[in-house]
């Protein structure tokens, strides 16, 4: 697997919410600090701004394409971008600079809470500027994602693309298997057994990678948890429920055990990382891989002739199937940048149309509409139905360890070293960490 392809897939996973793992802990500060943060200046047509962003690891940074398009539209504004490695390097440097005298005007942040780069933690610490009074922000944030961007009446950043998590199939391998796309969990388990008898697996899973295994379990939770308990996160935050006491989470973790017994995963899934799991799909040894659709281009980079098609991971019933369509990348303005109208113009550009440039460069979806990619046609119906679209379930979690324990718990379920009850108890314990 080419290194560029691997980094693109890893970045896509991070964009889907696994970034909270690399954020290494919650933020400091208080909501009183957030309430005192400065509101941003009105958009300006000239000037300059500095941008701090996490690197994709690729030769050409997708954000550079956005900057080029922005500077073409606003020739009197210049953007100076700086890229830092994704993970703790970016998070630690961002926090240090926002608290010091070398603040960037604009910076990348993750929606929600739970990490050092999370918008709401940065807002709590008084490190972001309030965008709520900007008229152009109206309607930018999806209704079901407001809790990830708004707090105490303030808007602390804006999204610029959507990350969709789907079951991505190798079309050729699918046709050769003789099975139809499963629309229910029972159909999926039956398909697993049939494909397993052919010496292949229905699903590829990077069980040793907490990000990918956590993403897979989260995708199941969209059907088992959110279908019946759509306000699980707020109820968990209020102490009205727990992971261990949630029937939906019990069914989510049990489903992984059932899928293992049905032979759904490739041999050695518990020890596989991305460099093993992704080629299994590209080579047809596994029929599908649950990943963000932004990773499609990376998979094609492994095998240029690869034909792919994305579908929702099925629920208990076809009618009860949900999908994650998350506004999972954001830009924010620092307290220094709040005085810079050029910084406001840049955020307005990426949030009201310019983000389409980024979506095309990464394979994520724009805030509105779809990309012209035949592989995504199987998602058009469910993505148009708001009742079955949710942000990633882990985005509002209070710290990254809850998601980390979920990901590690999947590996424990695959090896038999943990039971569903063990995994959920561990997640409840992590929820209490500060």
Protein backbone atom coordinates (compact mmCIF):
# COMPACT_ATOMS: atom_id res chain seq x y z
CA UNK A 1 0.00 0.00 0.00
CA UNK A 2 1.44 3.35 -0.98
CA UNK A 3 2.26 5.65 1.92
CA UNK A 4 0.23 8.49 0.45
CA UNK A 5 -2.80 6.25 0.19
CA UNK A 6 -2.40 5.09 3.78
CA UNK A 7 -2.15 8.65 5.09
CA UNK A 8 -5.24 9.67 3.14
CA UNK A 9 -7.27 6.84 4.64
CA UNK A 10 -5.99 7.62 8.13
CA UNK A 11 -6.91 11.28 7.66
CA UNK A 12 -10.36 10.32 6.43
CA UNK A 13 -10.87 8.21 9.54
CA UNK A 14 -9.76 11.11 11.69
CA UNK A 15 -12.16 13.43 9.94
CA UNK A 16 -14.95 11.04 10.76
CA UNK A 17 -14.48 11.61 14.45
CA UNK A 18 -11.53 9.45 15.38
CA UNK A 19 -9.50 12.64 15.68
CA UNK A 20 -10.63 12.85 19.28
CA UNK A 21 -8.24 9.96 19.96
CA UNK A 22 -5.23 11.97 18.89
CA UNK A 23 -6.38 15.01 20.83
CA UNK A 24 -5.23 13.40 24.09
CA UNK A 25 -7.61 14.74 26.66
CA UNK A 26 -10.17 17.40 27.33
CA UNK A 27 -9.66 21.12 27.43
CA UNK A 28 -9.44 23.55 30.28
CA UNK A 29 -11.25 26.76 30.91
CA UNK A 30 -14.78 27.68 31.90
CA UNK A 31 -17.95 28.67 30.17
CA UNK A 32 -17.58 32.15 31.65
CA UNK A 33 -14.43 32.53 29.58
CA UNK A 34 -16.34 31.47 26.47
CA UNK A 35 -19.02 34.05 27.12
CA UNK A 36 -16.42 36.82 27.17
CA UNK A 37 -14.77 35.87 23.87
CA UNK A 38 -14.64 38.54 21.18
CA UNK A 39 -17.08 38.65 18.28
CA UNK A 40 -15.44 38.71 14.84
CA UNK A 41 -15.04 41.67 12.52
CA UNK A 42 -17.19 42.11 9.43
CA UNK A 43 -15.87 40.53 6.20
CA UNK A 44 -13.24 42.56 4.33
CA UNK A 45 -12.20 42.47 0.67
CA UNK A 46 -8.50 43.04 1.24
CA UNK A 47 -5.75 42.20 3.68
CA UNK A 48 -3.99 39.01 4.73
CA UNK A 49 -4.47 36.16 7.19
CA UNK A 50 -2.56 33.28 8.70
CA UNK A 51 -3.97 29.74 8.74
CA UNK A 52 -2.85 26.81 10.91
CA UNK A 53 -4.01 23.45 9.60
CA UNK A 54 -3.24 19.78 10.09
CA UNK A 55 -1.24 18.11 7.36
CA UNK A 56 -2.70 15.27 5.30
CA UNK A 57 0.79 13.89 4.65
CA UNK A 58 0.23 14.09 0.91
CA UNK A 59 2.39 16.01 -1.55
CA UNK A 60 -0.43 18.43 -2.30
CA UNK A 61 -2.49 19.59 0.65
CA UNK A 62 -6.24 19.73 -0.13
CA UNK A 63 -6.50 23.04 1.74
CA UNK A 64 -3.99 24.56 -0.69
CA UNK A 65 -6.55 24.04 -3.44
CA UNK A 66 -9.12 25.92 -1.36
CA UNK A 67 -6.68 28.74 -0.75
CA UNK A 68 -5.87 29.02 -4.46
CA UNK A 69 -9.57 29.25 -5.33
CA UNK A 70 -10.14 31.78 -2.54
CA UNK A 71 -7.27 34.03 -3.64
CA UNK A 72 -8.55 33.88 -7.21
CA UNK A 73 -11.93 35.18 -6.02
CA UNK A 74 -10.38 37.66 -3.59
CA UNK A 75 -7.12 38.75 -5.26
CA UNK A 76 -6.52 41.45 -2.64
CA UNK A 77 -6.42 38.92 0.23
CA UNK A 78 -3.40 36.69 0.79
CA UNK A 79 -3.43 33.53 2.92
CA UNK A 80 -0.27 32.27 4.60
CA UNK A 81 -0.84 28.61 5.54
CA UNK A 82 1.18 26.48 7.92
CA UNK A 83 0.68 22.70 8.20
CA UNK A 84 1.55 20.54 11.19
CA UNK A 85 1.33 16.73 11.48
CA UNK A 86 -2.09 15.43 12.42
CA UNK A 87 -2.41 14.25 16.02
CA UNK A 88 -0.65 15.46 19.13
CA UNK A 89 1.86 17.63 17.22
CA UNK A 90 -0.93 19.74 15.79
CA UNK A 91 -3.05 19.75 18.95
CA UNK A 92 -0.22 20.70 21.30
CA UNK A 93 1.11 23.43 19.03
CA UNK A 94 -2.36 24.86 18.46
CA UNK A 95 -3.12 25.16 22.18
CA UNK A 96 0.29 26.69 22.92
CA UNK A 97 -0.02 29.26 20.18
CA UNK A 98 -3.60 30.20 20.96
CA UNK A 99 -2.54 30.93 24.54
CA UNK A 100 0.62 32.81 23.49
CA UNK A 101 1.61 35.65 21.22
CA UNK A 102 1.87 33.70 17.96
CA UNK A 103 -1.81 33.06 17.29
CA UNK A 104 -2.93 32.11 13.78
CA UNK A 105 -5.89 34.12 12.55
CA UNK A 106 -7.74 30.99 11.41
CA UNK A 107 -7.23 27.37 12.45
CA UNK A 108 -8.61 23.87 12.02
CA UNK A 109 -10.71 22.48 14.89
CA UNK A 110 -12.89 19.43 15.49
CA UNK A 111 -16.57 19.99 16.30
CA UNK A 112 -17.91 19.05 19.71
CA UNK A 113 -15.91 18.39 22.85
CA UNK A 114 -13.55 15.82 24.23
CA UNK A 115 -10.20 16.83 22.76
CA UNK A 116 -7.55 19.52 22.68
CA UNK A 117 -8.66 20.63 19.21
CA UNK A 118 -12.40 20.45 19.93
CA UNK A 119 -14.32 23.65 19.36
CA UNK A 120 -16.28 23.64 22.59
CA UNK A 121 -13.22 23.02 24.75
CA UNK A 122 -11.40 25.86 23.01
CA UNK A 123 -14.46 28.05 23.50
CA UNK A 124 -14.55 27.15 27.20
CA UNK A 125 -10.96 28.35 27.43
CA UNK A 126 -11.79 31.64 25.69
CA UNK A 127 -9.55 30.82 22.72
CA UNK A 128 -12.06 31.19 19.88
CA UNK A 129 -14.05 34.12 18.53
CA UNK A 130 -17.85 34.20 18.35
CA UNK A 131 -19.37 34.02 14.85
CA UNK A 132 -23.02 34.05 15.94
CA UNK A 133 -23.71 37.64 14.85
CA UNK A 134 -22.49 37.07 11.30
CA UNK A 135 -25.56 36.93 9.04
CA UNK A 136 -23.90 34.51 6.60
CA UNK A 137 -23.68 31.79 9.26
CA UNK A 138 -27.44 31.28 9.28
CA UNK A 139 -28.25 27.75 8.15
CA UNK A 140 -24.60 26.71 7.79
CA UNK A 141 -24.76 24.28 10.72
CA UNK A 142 -27.16 21.34 10.42
CA UNK A 143 -29.94 21.29 13.01
CA UNK A 144 -28.80 17.95 14.39
CA UNK A 145 -25.21 19.22 14.70
CA UNK A 146 -25.88 22.47 16.58
CA UNK A 147 -24.61 21.07 19.87
CA UNK A 148 -21.24 20.52 18.21
CA UNK A 149 -20.76 24.16 17.15
CA UNK A 150 -22.95 26.32 19.41
CA UNK A 151 -22.52 26.87 23.14
CA UNK A 152 -23.76 29.58 25.50
CA UNK A 153 -25.39 31.37 22.56
CA UNK A 154 -22.10 31.60 20.66
CA UNK A 155 -21.04 29.97 17.39
CA UNK A 156 -17.40 28.97 17.80
CA UNK A 157 -16.54 27.69 14.33
CA UNK A 158 -18.10 26.72 11.02
CA UNK A 159 -18.15 23.42 9.09
CA UNK A 160 -16.99 23.21 5.50
CA UNK A 161 -17.60 19.61 4.44
CA UNK A 162 -19.43 16.43 5.42
CA UNK A 163 -17.98 13.08 6.34
CA UNK A 164 -20.22 10.14 5.45
CA UNK A 165 -19.50 6.68 6.88
CA UNK A 166 -20.68 3.80 4.72
CA UNK A 167 -20.10 0.16 3.86
CA UNK A 168 -17.94 0.43 0.74
CA UNK A 169 -18.01 -2.63 -1.54
CA UNK A 170 -15.59 -3.91 -4.14
CA UNK A 171 -18.13 -4.14 -6.97
CA UNK A 172 -16.31 -6.87 -8.89
CA UNK A 173 -15.86 -9.07 -5.82
CA UNK A 174 -19.49 -8.49 -4.88
CA UNK A 175 -20.74 -9.68 -8.28
CA UNK A 176 -18.45 -12.70 -8.23
CA UNK A 177 -19.79 -13.74 -4.82
CA UNK A 178 -23.34 -14.03 -6.11
CA UNK A 179 -24.89 -12.20 -3.15
CA UNK A 180 -27.19 -9.20 -3.09
CA UNK A 181 -26.48 -6.10 -1.00
CA UNK A 182 -27.73 -6.94 2.51
CA UNK A 183 -30.55 -4.63 3.64
CA UNK A 184 -30.99 -6.04 7.14
CA UNK A 185 -28.66 -7.47 9.76
CA UNK A 186 -30.11 -10.97 9.26
CA UNK A 187 -29.35 -10.71 5.54
CA UNK A 188 -25.85 -9.50 6.35
CA UNK A 189 -25.15 -12.46 8.64
CA UNK A 190 -26.41 -14.87 5.99
CA UNK A 191 -24.22 -13.19 3.39
CA UNK A 192 -21.23 -13.47 5.72
CA UNK A 193 -21.66 -17.24 5.95
CA UNK A 194 -21.98 -17.62 2.18
CA UNK A 195 -18.95 -15.46 1.39
CA UNK A 196 -16.94 -17.17 4.13
CA UNK A 197 -17.64 -20.53 2.48
CA UNK A 198 -16.01 -19.10 -0.66
CA UNK A 199 -12.78 -18.43 1.24
CA UNK A 200 -13.36 -14.70 1.51
CA UNK A 201 -14.96 -12.32 4.02
CA UNK A 202 -17.85 -9.92 3.65
CA UNK A 203 -16.08 -7.28 5.74
CA UNK A 204 -12.52 -6.11 6.20
CA UNK A 205 -11.77 -4.69 9.64
CA UNK A 206 -8.63 -3.12 11.08
CA UNK A 207 -9.27 -4.60 14.51
CA UNK A 208 -5.89 -3.55 15.90
CA UNK A 209 -6.56 0.07 14.96
CA UNK A 210 -8.75 1.68 17.63
CA UNK A 211 -9.85 4.37 15.19
CA UNK A 212 -11.17 1.96 12.56
CA UNK A 213 -12.65 -0.56 14.99
CA UNK A 214 -14.27 2.28 16.96
CA UNK A 215 -15.65 3.68 13.71
CA UNK A 216 -17.14 0.29 12.83
CA UNK A 217 -18.80 -0.08 16.24
CA UNK A 218 -20.08 3.48 16.02
CA UNK A 219 -21.63 2.75 12.62
CA UNK A 220 -23.49 -0.18 14.18
CA UNK A 221 -24.61 2.11 17.01
CA UNK A 222 -26.26 4.43 14.49
CA UNK A 223 -28.72 1.60 13.88
CA UNK A 224 -28.93 -0.08 17.27
CA UNK A 225 -28.68 2.96 19.58
CA UNK A 226 -29.85 6.06 17.72
CA UNK A 227 -32.79 4.33 16.05
CA UNK A 228 -34.50 3.90 19.44
CA UNK A 229 -32.62 6.38 21.63
CA UNK A 230 -31.70 9.37 19.42
CA UNK A 231 -30.91 11.52 22.47
CA UNK A 232 -28.58 8.97 24.04
CA UNK A 233 -25.67 11.40 24.34
CA UNK A 234 -27.61 14.10 26.15
CA UNK A 235 -29.22 11.49 28.41
CA UNK A 236 -25.79 10.02 29.17
CA UNK A 237 -24.44 13.48 29.96
CA UNK A 238 -27.35 14.05 32.37
CA UNK A 239 -26.79 10.71 34.06
CA UNK A 240 -30.14 9.36 32.89
CA UNK A 241 -28.58 6.37 31.17
CA UNK A 242 -25.28 4.53 30.81
CA UNK A 243 -23.57 2.53 28.10
CA UNK A 244 -23.92 -0.63 30.18
CA UNK A 245 -27.59 0.06 30.83
CA UNK A 246 -28.46 0.92 27.23
CA UNK A 247 -30.22 -1.86 25.32
CA UNK A 248 -28.98 -0.29 22.10
CA UNK A 249 -25.34 -0.42 23.16
CA UNK A 250 -25.80 -3.95 24.46
CA UNK A 251 -27.11 -4.95 21.03
CA UNK A 252 -24.30 -3.05 19.28
CA UNK A 253 -21.54 -4.94 21.05
CA UNK A 254 -23.40 -8.25 20.82
CA UNK A 255 -23.77 -7.73 17.07
CA UNK A 256 -19.98 -7.70 16.73
CA UNK A 257 -19.80 -11.05 18.52
CA UNK A 258 -22.56 -12.43 16.26
CA UNK A 259 -20.76 -11.16 13.17
CA UNK A 260 -17.52 -12.80 14.26
CA UNK A 261 -19.33 -16.13 14.73
CA UNK A 262 -20.85 -15.78 11.25
CA UNK A 263 -17.40 -15.32 9.71
CA UNK A 264 -18.03 -11.73 8.66
CA UNK A 265 -14.45 -10.53 9.19
CA UNK A 266 -11.23 -11.55 7.49
CA UNK A 267 -8.94 -13.99 9.28
CA UNK A 268 -6.70 -12.17 11.73
CA UNK A 269 -8.96 -9.11 11.80
CA UNK A 270 -8.12 -8.57 15.47
CA UNK A 271 -4.43 -8.05 14.57
CA UNK A 272 -4.95 -6.11 11.33
CA UNK A 273 -4.20 -2.41 10.87
CA UNK A 274 -5.14 -0.13 7.97
CA UNK A 275 -2.23 -1.32 5.74
CA UNK A 276 -3.64 -4.86 5.92
CA UNK A 277 -7.37 -4.13 5.93
CA UNK A 278 -7.52 -1.70 3.00
CA UNK A 279 -5.64 -3.91 0.49
CA UNK A 280 -7.88 -6.85 1.41
CA UNK A 281 -10.79 -4.90 -0.07
CA UNK A 282 -8.81 -3.67 -3.07
CA UNK A 283 -7.67 -7.22 -3.86
CA UNK A 284 -11.16 -8.71 -3.48
CA UNK A 285 -10.24 -10.87 -0.49
CA UNK A 286 -12.88 -8.92 1.44
CA UNK A 287 -16.03 -7.61 -0.20
CA UNK A 288 -16.50 -4.45 1.87
CA UNK A 289 -14.93 -2.04 4.35
CA UNK A 290 -16.80 0.36 6.66
CA UNK A 291 -15.01 3.68 6.16
CA UNK A 292 -15.62 7.36 5.42
CA UNK A 293 -16.42 7.90 1.75
CA UNK A 294 -13.55 10.39 1.72
CA UNK A 295 -11.22 7.36 1.59
CA UNK A 296 -12.53 6.23 -1.83
CA UNK A 297 -9.77 8.00 -3.72
CA UNK A 298 -7.13 6.40 -1.48
CA UNK A 299 -8.54 2.94 -2.17
CA UNK A 300 -8.48 3.65 -5.87
CA UNK A 301 -4.86 4.66 -5.44
CA UNK A 302 -4.06 1.10 -4.33
CA UNK A 303 -5.69 -0.37 -7.45
CA UNK A 304 -6.60 2.17 -10.19
CA UNK A 305 -9.07 -0.21 -11.87
CA UNK A 306 -10.96 -0.78 -8.62
CA UNK A 307 -14.73 -0.33 -8.90
CA UNK A 308 -16.45 0.68 -5.68
CA UNK A 309 -19.96 1.30 -4.45
CA UNK A 310 -21.10 2.63 -1.10
CA UNK A 311 -24.20 1.56 0.82
CA UNK A 312 -25.45 2.05 4.37
CA UNK A 313 -24.40 -0.55 6.93
CA UNK A 314 -27.77 -2.29 7.44
CA UNK A 315 -29.81 -2.11 10.60
CA UNK A 316 -32.13 -4.66 12.13
CA UNK A 317 -34.68 -3.66 9.48
CA UNK A 318 -34.30 -1.76 6.23
CA UNK A 319 -36.61 0.94 7.60
CA UNK A 320 -34.49 1.24 10.74
CA UNK A 321 -31.20 1.76 8.91
CA UNK A 322 -29.39 5.04 9.64
CA UNK A 323 -26.19 6.64 8.40
CA UNK A 324 -23.62 9.12 9.68
CA UNK A 325 -23.47 12.31 7.68
CA UNK A 326 -21.36 14.50 9.95
CA UNK A 327 -20.17 18.05 9.64
CA UNK A 328 -16.87 16.88 11.03
CA UNK A 329 -14.29 19.43 9.85
CA UNK A 330 -14.37 23.03 11.07
CA UNK A 331 -12.50 26.30 10.90
CA UNK A 332 -12.43 28.80 13.74
CA UNK A 333 -11.05 32.30 14.31
CA UNK A 334 -8.70 33.11 17.17
CA UNK A 335 -9.12 36.08 19.48
CA UNK A 336 -6.36 37.80 17.50
CA UNK A 337 -8.02 36.95 14.19
CA UNK A 338 -11.31 38.37 15.47
CA UNK A 339 -10.04 41.83 14.54
CA UNK A 340 -9.14 40.74 11.01
CA UNK A 341 -11.96 41.09 8.49
CA UNK A 342 -9.97 39.08 5.93
CA UNK A 343 -10.14 36.10 8.29
CA UNK A 344 -13.92 36.46 8.45
CA UNK A 345 -14.08 36.54 4.66
CA UNK A 346 -12.12 33.30 4.45
CA UNK A 347 -14.50 31.49 6.81
CA UNK A 348 -17.49 32.87 4.96
CA UNK A 349 -16.01 31.57 1.70
CA UNK A 350 -15.35 28.01 2.86
CA UNK A 351 -18.70 27.69 4.67
CA UNK A 352 -20.91 29.06 1.89
CA UNK A 353 -19.63 27.26 -1.18
CA UNK A 354 -15.85 27.26 -1.18
CA UNK A 355 -15.82 24.07 0.85
CA UNK A 356 -16.88 22.22 -2.31
CA UNK A 357 -13.31 22.65 -3.53
CA UNK A 358 -12.07 20.85 -0.43
CA UNK A 359 -14.69 18.12 -0.78
CA UNK A 360 -13.63 17.39 -4.35
CA UNK A 361 -9.98 17.27 -3.31
CA UNK A 362 -10.58 14.86 -0.43
CA UNK A 363 -13.58 12.78 -1.51
CA UNK A 364 -15.69 13.99 1.42
CA UNK A 365 -19.05 15.52 0.54
CA UNK A 366 -19.82 19.23 0.34
CA UNK A 367 -22.13 20.75 2.95
CA UNK A 368 -24.93 20.68 0.41
CA UNK A 369 -25.52 18.14 -2.34
CA UNK A 370 -23.44 15.21 -3.59
CA UNK A 371 -20.24 14.65 -5.52
CA UNK A 372 -20.52 13.42 -9.09
CA UNK A 373 -19.20 9.95 -8.27
CA UNK A 374 -21.11 6.83 -9.37
CA UNK A 375 -19.79 4.99 -6.30
CA UNK A 376 -21.98 7.21 -4.11
CA UNK A 377 -25.27 6.64 -5.94
CA UNK A 378 -26.34 3.96 -3.46
CA UNK A 379 -26.36 6.61 -0.70
CA UNK A 380 -28.42 9.27 -2.44
CA UNK A 381 -31.74 8.03 -1.05
CA UNK A 382 -30.80 7.77 2.60
CA UNK A 383 -28.77 11.00 2.56
CA UNK A 384 -31.86 12.84 1.32
CA UNK A 385 -33.87 11.55 4.29
CA UNK A 386 -32.96 13.72 7.29
CA UNK A 387 -34.74 11.34 9.68
CA UNK A 388 -32.04 8.75 9.05
CA UNK A 389 -28.99 11.05 9.12
CA UNK A 390 -26.97 11.62 12.29
CA UNK A 391 -23.66 13.21 13.25
CA UNK A 392 -21.04 10.75 14.46
CA UNK A 393 -22.22 9.53 17.85
CA UNK A 394 -18.86 10.08 19.55
CA UNK A 395 -18.41 13.76 18.67
CA UNK A 396 -20.08 15.12 21.85
CA UNK A 397 -18.38 12.63 24.19
CA UNK A 398 -16.53 14.34 27.06
CA UNK A 399 -13.06 12.90 26.38
CA UNK A 400 -11.26 10.76 23.79
CA UNK A 401 -10.84 7.78 26.11
CA UNK A 402 -14.49 6.74 25.74
CA UNK A 403 -14.02 6.24 22.01
CA UNK A 404 -10.60 4.71 22.55
CA UNK A 405 -12.10 2.13 24.93
CA UNK A 406 -14.79 1.35 22.37
CA UNK A 407 -12.17 0.74 19.69
CA UNK A 408 -9.99 -1.39 21.96
CA UNK A 409 -13.13 -3.17 23.14
CA UNK A 410 -13.90 -4.32 19.60
CA UNK A 411 -10.51 -6.02 19.50
CA UNK A 412 -11.30 -7.61 22.86
CA UNK A 413 -14.59 -8.93 21.50
CA UNK A 414 -12.81 -10.42 18.49
CA UNK A 415 -10.22 -12.19 20.62
CA UNK A 416 -12.74 -13.26 23.25
CA UNK A 417 -10.81 -11.44 25.98
CA UNK A 418 -13.70 -9.08 26.64
CA UNK A 419 -17.46 -9.53 26.79
CA UNK A 420 -19.99 -6.93 25.61
CA UNK A 421 -20.61 -6.06 29.27
CA UNK A 422 -16.87 -5.56 29.85
CA UNK A 423 -16.59 -3.11 26.94
CA UNK A 424 -19.57 -1.02 28.03
CA UNK A 425 -18.42 -0.93 31.66
CA UNK A 426 -15.05 0.35 30.49
CA UNK A 427 -16.70 3.08 28.41
CA UNK A 428 -18.78 4.20 31.39
CA UNK A 429 -15.62 4.41 33.46
CA UNK A 430 -13.86 6.46 30.80
CA UNK A 431 -16.85 8.83 30.62
CA UNK A 432 -16.12 9.96 34.18
CA UNK A 433 -12.52 10.92 33.38
CA UNK A 434 -11.73 14.60 33.10
